[in-house]
C-alpha atoms as a PDB file:
ATOM      1  CA  MET A   1       9.580  -7.589 -19.544  1.00  0.00           C
ATOM      2  CA  SER A   2      13.341  -8.106 -19.632  1.00  0.00           C
ATOM      3  CA  ASP A   3      14.390 -11.342 -21.259  1.00  0.00           C
ATOM      4  CA  GLU A   4      16.091 -12.721 -18.135  1.00  0.00           C
ATOM      5  CA  ALA A   5      13.206 -11.893 -15.820  1.00  0.00           C
ATOM      6  CA  LYS A   6      10.649 -13.165 -18.320  1.00  0.00           C
ATOM      7  CA  ALA A   7      12.616 -16.390 -18.762  1.00  0.00           C
ATOM      8  CA  PHE A   8      12.830 -16.810 -14.994  1.00  0.00           C
ATOM      9  CA  PHE A   9       9.077 -16.481 -14.434  1.00  0.00           C
ATOM     10  CA  THR A  10       8.266 -18.764 -17.377  1.00  0.00           C
ATOM     11  CA  ARG A  11      10.809 -21.374 -16.293  1.00  0.00           C
ATOM     12  CA  HIS A  12       9.781 -21.167 -12.625  1.00  0.00           C
ATOM     13  CA  GLU A  13       6.100 -21.609 -13.431  1.00  0.00           C
ATOM     14  CA  GLY A  14       6.772 -24.659 -15.570  1.00  0.00           C
ATOM     15  CA  LEU A  15       9.177 -26.273 -13.132  1.00  0.00           C
ATOM     16  CA  PHE A  16       6.984 -25.545 -10.138  1.00  0.00           C
ATOM     17  CA  ALA A  17       4.133 -27.443 -11.770  1.00  0.00           C
ATOM     18  CA  LYS A  18       6.463 -30.460 -11.904  1.00  0.00           C
ATOM     19  CA  VAL A  19       7.469 -29.965  -8.265  1.00  0.00           C
ATOM     20  CA  LYS A  20       3.796 -30.036  -7.248  1.00  0.00           C
ATOM     21  CA  THR A  21       3.513 -33.463  -8.859  1.00  0.00           C
ATOM     22  CA  ALA A  22       6.854 -34.784  -7.613  1.00  0.00           C
ATOM     23  CA  ALA A  23       6.557 -33.544  -4.012  1.00  0.00           C
ATOM     24  CA  PRO A  24       2.900 -32.766  -3.256  1.00  0.00           C
ATOM     25  CA  ASN A  25       3.266 -33.094   0.517  1.00  0.00           C
ATOM     26  CA  THR A  26       6.188 -30.675   0.598  1.00  0.00           C
ATOM     27  CA  VAL A  27       4.379 -28.153  -1.584  1.00  0.00           C
ATOM     28  CA  SER A  28       1.225 -28.435   0.523  1.00  0.00           C
ATOM     29  CA  ALA A  29       3.099 -28.111   3.829  1.00  0.00           C
ATOM     30  CA  PHE A  30       5.242 -25.181   2.706  1.00  0.00           C
ATOM     31  CA  GLY A  31       2.274 -23.475   1.052  1.00  0.00           C
ATOM     32  CA  GLY A  32       0.245 -23.777   4.243  1.00  0.00           C
ATOM     33  CA  MET A  33       3.061 -22.350   6.340  1.00  0.00           C
ATOM     34  CA  PHE A  34       3.607 -19.526   3.850  1.00  0.00           C
ATOM     35  CA  ALA A  35      -0.099 -18.624   3.867  1.00  0.00           C
ATOM     36  CA  LYS A  36      -0.319 -18.610   7.673  1.00  0.00           C
ATOM     37  CA  ILE A  37       2.866 -16.611   8.208  1.00  0.00           C
ATOM     38  CA  MET A  38       2.868 -14.135   5.321  1.00  0.00           C
ATOM     39  CA  GLY A  39      -0.614 -12.697   5.792  1.00  0.00           C
ATOM     40  CA  ASP A  40      -1.419  -9.609   7.823  1.00  0.00           C
ATOM     41  CA  GLY A  41      -0.733  -9.934  11.543  1.00  0.00           C
ATOM     42  CA  ALA A  42       1.289  -7.772  13.925  1.00  0.00           C
ATOM     43  CA  LEU A  43       3.241  -6.951  10.750  1.00  0.00           C
ATOM     44  CA  SER A  44       1.415  -6.251   7.515  1.00  0.00           C
ATOM     45  CA  ALA A  45       1.808  -8.628   4.586  1.00  0.00           C
ATOM     46  CA  LEU A  46       3.767  -5.870   2.834  1.00  0.00           C
ATOM     47  CA  GLN A  47       6.182  -5.485   5.743  1.00  0.00           C
ATOM     48  CA  LYS A  48       6.719  -9.245   5.738  1.00  0.00           C
ATOM     49  CA  GLU A  49       7.448  -9.164   2.002  1.00  0.00           C
ATOM     50  CA  PHE A  50      10.092  -6.483   2.598  1.00  0.00           C
ATOM     51  CA  VAL A  51      11.726  -8.778   5.179  1.00  0.00           C
ATOM     52  CA  ALA A  52      11.575 -11.721   2.762  1.00  0.00           C
ATOM     53  CA  LEU A  53      13.065  -9.636  -0.051  1.00  0.00           C
ATOM     54  CA  GLY A  54      15.857  -8.422   2.223  1.00  0.00           C
ATOM     55  CA  ILE A  55      16.730 -11.967   3.223  1.00  0.00           C
ATOM     56  CA  GLY A  56      16.661 -13.025  -0.429  1.00  0.00           C
ATOM     57  CA  VAL A  57      19.109 -10.257  -1.353  1.00  0.00           C
ATOM     58  CA  ALA A  58      21.351 -10.992   1.643  1.00  0.00           C
ATOM     59  CA  MET A  59      21.367 -14.723   0.842  1.00  0.00           C
ATOM     60  CA  HIS A  60      21.925 -14.102  -2.911  1.00  0.00           C
ATOM     61  CA  CYS A  61      18.857 -16.180  -3.784  1.00  0.00           C
ATOM     62  CA  GLU A  62      17.714 -15.383  -7.343  1.00  0.00           C
ATOM     63  CA  PRO A  63      14.283 -17.041  -7.055  1.00  0.00           C
ATOM     64  CA  CYS A  64      13.675 -15.349  -3.689  1.00  0.00           C
ATOM     65  CA  ILE A  65      14.606 -11.934  -5.060  1.00  0.00           C
ATOM     66  CA  ARG A  66      12.461 -12.213  -8.167  1.00  0.00           C
ATOM     67  CA  LEU A  67       9.442 -13.753  -6.439  1.00  0.00           C
ATOM     68  CA  HIS A  68       9.462 -11.350  -3.493  1.00  0.00           C
ATOM     69  CA  VAL A  69       9.907  -8.273  -5.706  1.00  0.00           C
ATOM     70  CA  LYS A  70       6.739  -9.484  -7.452  1.00  0.00           C
ATOM     71  CA  LYS A  71       4.957 -10.094  -4.145  1.00  0.00           C
ATOM     72  CA  CYS A  72       6.022  -6.666  -2.842  1.00  0.00           C
ATOM     73  CA  LEU A  73       4.487  -5.035  -5.919  1.00  0.00           C
ATOM     74  CA  GLU A  74       1.305  -7.118  -5.526  1.00  0.00           C
ATOM     75  CA  ALA A  75       1.088  -6.010  -1.880  1.00  0.00           C
ATOM     76  CA  GLY A  76       1.196  -2.353  -2.963  1.00  0.00           C
ATOM     77  CA  ALA A  77       4.870  -1.431  -2.546  1.00  0.00           C
ATOM     78  CA  THR A  78       6.391   1.318  -4.610  1.00  0.00           C
ATOM     79  CA  ARG A  79       9.599   0.913  -6.553  1.00  0.00           C
ATOM     80  CA  GLU A  80      11.280   3.270  -4.073  1.00  0.00           C
ATOM     81  CA  GLN A  81      10.176   1.187  -1.069  1.00  0.00           C
ATOM     82  CA  ILE A  82      11.419  -2.018  -2.694  1.00  0.00           C
ATOM     83  CA  MET A  83      14.798  -0.483  -3.477  1.00  0.00           C
ATOM     84  CA  GLU A  84      15.081   0.847   0.079  1.00  0.00           C
ATOM     85  CA  ALA A  85      14.272  -2.568   1.575  1.00  0.00           C
ATOM     86  CA  ALA A  86      16.858  -4.184  -0.715  1.00  0.00           C
ATOM     87  CA  SER A  87      19.364  -1.491   0.264  1.00  0.00           C
ATOM     88  CA  VAL A  88      18.963  -2.356   3.951  1.00  0.00           C
ATOM     89  CA  ALA A  89      19.974  -5.908   3.033  1.00  0.00           C
ATOM     90  CA  VAL A  90      23.075  -4.529   1.306  1.00  0.00           C
ATOM     91  CA  MET A  91      23.974  -2.551   4.416  1.00  0.00           C
ATOM     92  CA  MET A  92      23.712  -5.737   6.487  1.00  0.00           C
ATOM     93  CA  ALA A  93      25.277  -8.198   4.032  1.00  0.00           C
ATOM     94  CA  GLY A  94      27.814  -6.047   2.159  1.00  0.00           C
ATOM     95  CA  GLY A  95      29.266  -6.376  -1.329  1.00  0.00           C
ATOM     96  CA  PRO A  96      27.811  -9.746  -2.352  1.00  0.00           C
ATOM     97  CA  ALA A  97      24.313  -8.424  -1.602  1.00  0.00           C
ATOM     98  CA  PHE A  98      25.144  -5.160  -3.403  1.00  0.00           C
ATOM     99  CA  THR A  99      25.775  -7.047  -6.634  1.00  0.00           C
ATOM    100  CA  HIS A 100      22.241  -8.462  -6.465  1.00  0.00           C
ATOM    101  CA  LEU A 101      20.585  -5.022  -6.578  1.00  0.00           C
ATOM    102  CA  THR A 102      20.820  -5.293 -10.356  1.00  0.00           C
ATOM    103  CA  MET A 103      18.459  -8.275 -10.178  1.00  0.00           C
ATOM    104  CA  VAL A 104      15.995  -6.261  -8.073  1.00  0.00           C
ATOM    105  CA  VAL A 105      16.022  -3.418 -10.626  1.00  0.00           C
ATOM    106  CA  GLU A 106      15.794  -5.806 -13.578  1.00  0.00           C
ATOM    107  CA  THR A 107      12.798  -7.580 -12.034  1.00  0.00           C
ATOM    108  CA  LEU A 108      11.088  -4.283 -11.205  1.00  0.00           C
ATOM    109  CA  ASP A 109      11.627  -3.119 -14.775  1.00  0.00           C
ATOM    110  CA  ALA A 110      10.228  -6.377 -16.112  1.00  0.00           C
ATOM    111  CA  LEU A 111       7.166  -6.404 -13.895  1.00  0.00           C
ATOM    112  CA  GLN A 112       6.468  -2.708 -14.373  1.00  0.00           C
ATOM    113  CA  ASN A 113       7.108  -2.829 -18.144  1.00  0.00           C
ATOM    114  CA  LYS A 114       9.928  -0.287 -18.072  1.00  0.00           C
END
């Protein structure tokens, strides 16, 4: 796993444990909403993860990009599908989103041990 991606997931896990203690109602409410919305429905869970990843890239949100790349992989996406979804975000959001494709690739490499 790349050092930056590995550090992100380690840091996020540790900090999120603190957030659960500091803001349990927020974590519970958001977690419940996430579970209800992100499961299979009219759109598959994978399709919803592609949307979430695209928004993360368009909004330049590092945690969103890294976490939704991981969730896309867990939902069965291929590397090619993830890159295509991220590329749609670049088409919609332009240059600032384009610069975040490196984070998508780095996270894929880290999670796929490349």
